[in-house]
């Protein structure tokens, strides 16, 4: 998600039609993947992999073609928020959730794994 915010700040959100089309394609893609997953989970995974590989190639091409221009610009605020100030992998949030879940008395099956009880 952060990469979309970064691209918007770099000018990808200037035209209404681009925003409109992107939002509706994303919604349609989401619905398609859900239906495909219900029919064939492996194909849904493969479709996502193909889309991610295409996205990588597209972003890589964009970076190579615009390298000098991008280096001369200040970093977009979305990039700073995510890469500098944010929890990139949300490890803290997942760890807190794991501690809450696994160390509670309501889940005795996992409570022996709680690092706070050792």
C-alpha atoms as a PDB file:
ATOM      1  CA  UNK A   1       0.000   0.000   0.000  1.00  0.00           C
ATOM      2  CA  UNK A   2       2.803   2.426   0.810  1.00  0.00           C
ATOM      3  CA  UNK A   3       4.153   2.199  -2.740  1.00  0.00           C
ATOM      4  CA  UNK A   4       0.821   3.444  -4.060  1.00  0.00           C
ATOM      5  CA  UNK A   5       0.887   6.402  -1.682  1.00  0.00           C
ATOM      6  CA  UNK A   6       4.435   7.213  -2.790  1.00  0.00           C
ATOM      7  CA  UNK A   7       3.461   7.099  -6.473  1.00  0.00           C
ATOM      8  CA  UNK A   8       0.477   9.361  -5.760  1.00  0.00           C
ATOM      9  CA  UNK A   9       2.764  11.922  -4.138  1.00  0.00           C
ATOM     10  CA  UNK A  10       5.039  11.776  -7.175  1.00  0.00           C
ATOM     11  CA  UNK A  11       2.138  12.889  -9.351  1.00  0.00           C
ATOM     12  CA  UNK A  12       0.224   9.701 -10.027  1.00  0.00           C
ATOM     13  CA  UNK A  13      -2.976  11.163  -8.608  1.00  0.00           C
ATOM     14  CA  UNK A  14      -3.149  14.333 -10.697  1.00  0.00           C
ATOM     15  CA  UNK A  15      -5.802  13.216 -13.164  1.00  0.00           C
ATOM     16  CA  UNK A  16      -9.276  12.219 -11.997  1.00  0.00           C
ATOM     17  CA  UNK A  17      -9.617   9.550 -14.667  1.00  0.00           C
ATOM     18  CA  UNK A  18      -6.407   7.818 -13.535  1.00  0.00           C
ATOM     19  CA  UNK A  19      -7.593   7.717  -9.915  1.00  0.00           C
ATOM     20  CA  UNK A  20     -11.074   6.567 -10.929  1.00  0.00           C
ATOM     21  CA  UNK A  21      -9.763   3.824 -13.185  1.00  0.00           C
ATOM     22  CA  UNK A  22      -7.187   2.593 -10.666  1.00  0.00           C
ATOM     23  CA  UNK A  23      -9.712   2.395  -7.821  1.00  0.00           C
ATOM     24  CA  UNK A  24     -12.263   0.514  -9.883  1.00  0.00           C
ATOM     25  CA  UNK A  25      -9.720  -1.879 -11.371  1.00  0.00           C
ATOM     26  CA  UNK A  26      -8.450  -2.601  -7.843  1.00  0.00           C
ATOM     27  CA  UNK A  27     -11.978  -3.363  -6.645  1.00  0.00           C
ATOM     28  CA  UNK A  28     -12.647  -5.596  -9.663  1.00  0.00           C
ATOM     29  CA  UNK A  29      -9.326  -7.388  -9.186  1.00  0.00           C
ATOM     30  CA  UNK A  30     -10.119  -7.982  -5.510  1.00  0.00           C
ATOM     31  CA  UNK A  31     -13.514  -9.482  -6.396  1.00  0.00           C
ATOM     32  CA  UNK A  32     -11.949 -11.619  -9.131  1.00  0.00           C
ATOM     33  CA  UNK A  33      -9.312 -13.009  -6.773  1.00  0.00           C
ATOM     34  CA  UNK A  34     -11.925 -13.897  -4.160  1.00  0.00           C
ATOM     35  CA  UNK A  35     -14.025 -15.785  -6.713  1.00  0.00           C
ATOM     36  CA  UNK A  36     -10.943 -17.448  -8.183  1.00  0.00           C
ATOM     37  CA  UNK A  37      -9.767 -18.456  -4.709  1.00  0.00           C
ATOM     38  CA  UNK A  38     -13.102 -20.122  -4.011  1.00  0.00           C
ATOM     39  CA  UNK A  39     -12.791 -22.070  -7.275  1.00  0.00           C
ATOM     40  CA  UNK A  40      -9.046 -22.771  -7.308  1.00  0.00           C
ATOM     41  CA  UNK A  41      -6.772 -21.368  -4.567  1.00  0.00           C
ATOM     42  CA  UNK A  42      -3.582 -22.290  -6.440  1.00  0.00           C
ATOM     43  CA  UNK A  43      -4.611 -20.272  -9.483  1.00  0.00           C
ATOM     44  CA  UNK A  44      -5.537 -17.318  -7.264  1.00  0.00           C
ATOM     45  CA  UNK A  45      -2.044 -17.452  -5.772  1.00  0.00           C
ATOM     46  CA  UNK A  46      -0.463 -17.720  -9.218  1.00  0.00           C
ATOM     47  CA  UNK A  47      -2.457 -14.730 -10.447  1.00  0.00           C
ATOM     48  CA  UNK A  48      -1.264 -12.666  -7.484  1.00  0.00           C
ATOM     49  CA  UNK A  49       2.312 -13.740  -8.162  1.00  0.00           C
ATOM     50  CA  UNK A  50       2.010 -12.692 -11.816  1.00  0.00           C
ATOM     51  CA  UNK A  51       0.575  -9.310 -10.836  1.00  0.00           C
ATOM     52  CA  UNK A  52       3.356  -8.716  -8.291  1.00  0.00           C
ATOM     53  CA  UNK A  53       6.040  -9.665 -10.808  1.00  0.00           C
ATOM     54  CA  UNK A  54       4.531  -7.255 -13.342  1.00  0.00           C
ATOM     55  CA  UNK A  55       4.374  -4.529 -10.688  1.00  0.00           C
ATOM     56  CA  UNK A  56       8.040  -5.070  -9.848  1.00  0.00           C
ATOM     57  CA  UNK A  57       9.037  -4.837 -13.512  1.00  0.00           C
ATOM     58  CA  UNK A  58       6.966  -1.680 -13.973  1.00  0.00           C
ATOM     59  CA  UNK A  59       8.365   0.058 -10.881  1.00  0.00           C
ATOM     60  CA  UNK A  60      11.894  -1.023 -11.772  1.00  0.00           C
ATOM     61  CA  UNK A  61      11.529   0.455 -15.263  1.00  0.00           C
ATOM     62  CA  UNK A  62      10.091   3.675 -13.803  1.00  0.00           C
ATOM     63  CA  UNK A  63      13.008   3.988 -11.366  1.00  0.00           C
ATOM     64  CA  UNK A  64      15.604   3.413 -14.084  1.00  0.00           C
ATOM     65  CA  UNK A  65      14.008   5.872 -16.496  1.00  0.00           C
ATOM     66  CA  UNK A  66      13.595   8.596 -13.857  1.00  0.00           C
ATOM     67  CA  UNK A  67      16.633   7.979 -11.641  1.00  0.00           C
ATOM     68  CA  UNK A  68      18.220  11.426 -11.933  1.00  0.00           C
ATOM     69  CA  UNK A  69      14.920  13.266 -11.539  1.00  0.00           C
ATOM     70  CA  UNK A  70      13.957  11.216  -8.477  1.00  0.00           C
ATOM     71  CA  UNK A  71      17.365  11.712  -6.840  1.00  0.00           C
ATOM     72  CA  UNK A  72      17.002  15.475  -7.201  1.00  0.00           C
ATOM     73  CA  UNK A  73      13.603  15.543  -5.471  1.00  0.00           C
ATOM     74  CA  UNK A  74      12.928  15.379  -1.732  1.00  0.00           C
ATOM     75  CA  UNK A  75      11.577  12.057  -0.497  1.00  0.00           C
ATOM     76  CA  UNK A  76       7.774  11.856  -0.519  1.00  0.00           C
ATOM     77  CA  UNK A  77       6.242  12.140   2.942  1.00  0.00           C
ATOM     78  CA  UNK A  78       4.617   8.711   2.548  1.00  0.00           C
ATOM     79  CA  UNK A  79       8.085   7.179   2.076  1.00  0.00           C
ATOM     80  CA  UNK A  80       9.446   8.964   5.140  1.00  0.00           C
ATOM     81  CA  UNK A  81       6.453   7.898   7.216  1.00  0.00           C
ATOM     82  CA  UNK A  82       6.844   4.275   6.176  1.00  0.00           C
ATOM     83  CA  UNK A  83      10.585   3.705   5.861  1.00  0.00           C
ATOM     84  CA  UNK A  84      11.907   6.061   8.541  1.00  0.00           C
ATOM     85  CA  UNK A  85       9.197   6.623  11.125  1.00  0.00           C
ATOM     86  CA  UNK A  86       7.029   3.550  10.662  1.00  0.00           C
ATOM     87  CA  UNK A  87       7.168  -0.066  11.717  1.00  0.00           C
ATOM     88  CA  UNK A  88       7.895  -1.495   8.251  1.00  0.00           C
ATOM     89  CA  UNK A  89       7.096  -5.064   9.103  1.00  0.00           C
ATOM     90  CA  UNK A  90       4.605  -4.361  11.890  1.00  0.00           C
ATOM     91  CA  UNK A  91       6.643  -6.746  14.044  1.00  0.00           C
ATOM     92  CA  UNK A  92       5.718  -4.888  17.209  1.00  0.00           C
ATOM     93  CA  UNK A  93       2.009  -5.126  16.460  1.00  0.00           C
ATOM     94  CA  UNK A  94       2.179  -8.844  15.624  1.00  0.00           C
ATOM     95  CA  UNK A  95       4.305  -9.577  18.693  1.00  0.00           C
ATOM     96  CA  UNK A  96       1.882  -7.683  20.939  1.00  0.00           C
ATOM     97  CA  UNK A  97      -1.026  -9.612  19.442  1.00  0.00           C
ATOM     98  CA  UNK A  98       0.824 -12.905  19.923  1.00  0.00           C
ATOM     99  CA  UNK A  99       1.562 -12.060  23.555  1.00  0.00           C
ATOM    100  CA  UNK A 100      -2.066 -11.062  24.168  1.00  0.00           C
ATOM    101  CA  UNK A 101      -3.377 -14.224  22.540  1.00  0.00           C
ATOM    102  CA  UNK A 102      -0.867 -16.839  23.618  1.00  0.00           C
ATOM    103  CA  UNK A 103      -0.219 -15.661  27.148  1.00  0.00           C
ATOM    104  CA  UNK A 104      -3.812 -15.187  28.156  1.00  0.00           C
ATOM    105  CA  UNK A 105      -5.515 -17.683  30.413  1.00  0.00           C
ATOM    106  CA  UNK A 106      -8.223 -18.171  27.801  1.00  0.00           C
ATOM    107  CA  UNK A 107      -5.824 -20.064  25.533  1.00  0.00           C
ATOM    108  CA  UNK A 108      -4.134 -22.630  27.768  1.00  0.00           C
ATOM    109  CA  UNK A 109      -2.986 -24.669  24.766  1.00  0.00           C
ATOM    110  CA  UNK A 110      -0.435 -21.977  23.837  1.00  0.00           C
ATOM    111  CA  UNK A 111       0.245 -20.516  27.257  1.00  0.00           C
ATOM    112  CA  UNK A 112       3.277 -22.778  27.813  1.00  0.00           C
ATOM    113  CA  UNK A 113       4.987 -20.969  24.882  1.00  0.00           C
ATOM    114  CA  UNK A 114       4.612 -17.533  26.382  1.00  0.00           C
ATOM    115  CA  UNK A 115       8.060 -15.922  26.689  1.00  0.00           C
ATOM    116  CA  UNK A 116       6.887 -13.848  29.634  1.00  0.00           C
ATOM    117  CA  UNK A 117       6.210 -16.961  31.702  1.00  0.00           C
ATOM    118  CA  UNK A 118       9.682 -18.437  31.298  1.00  0.00           C
END
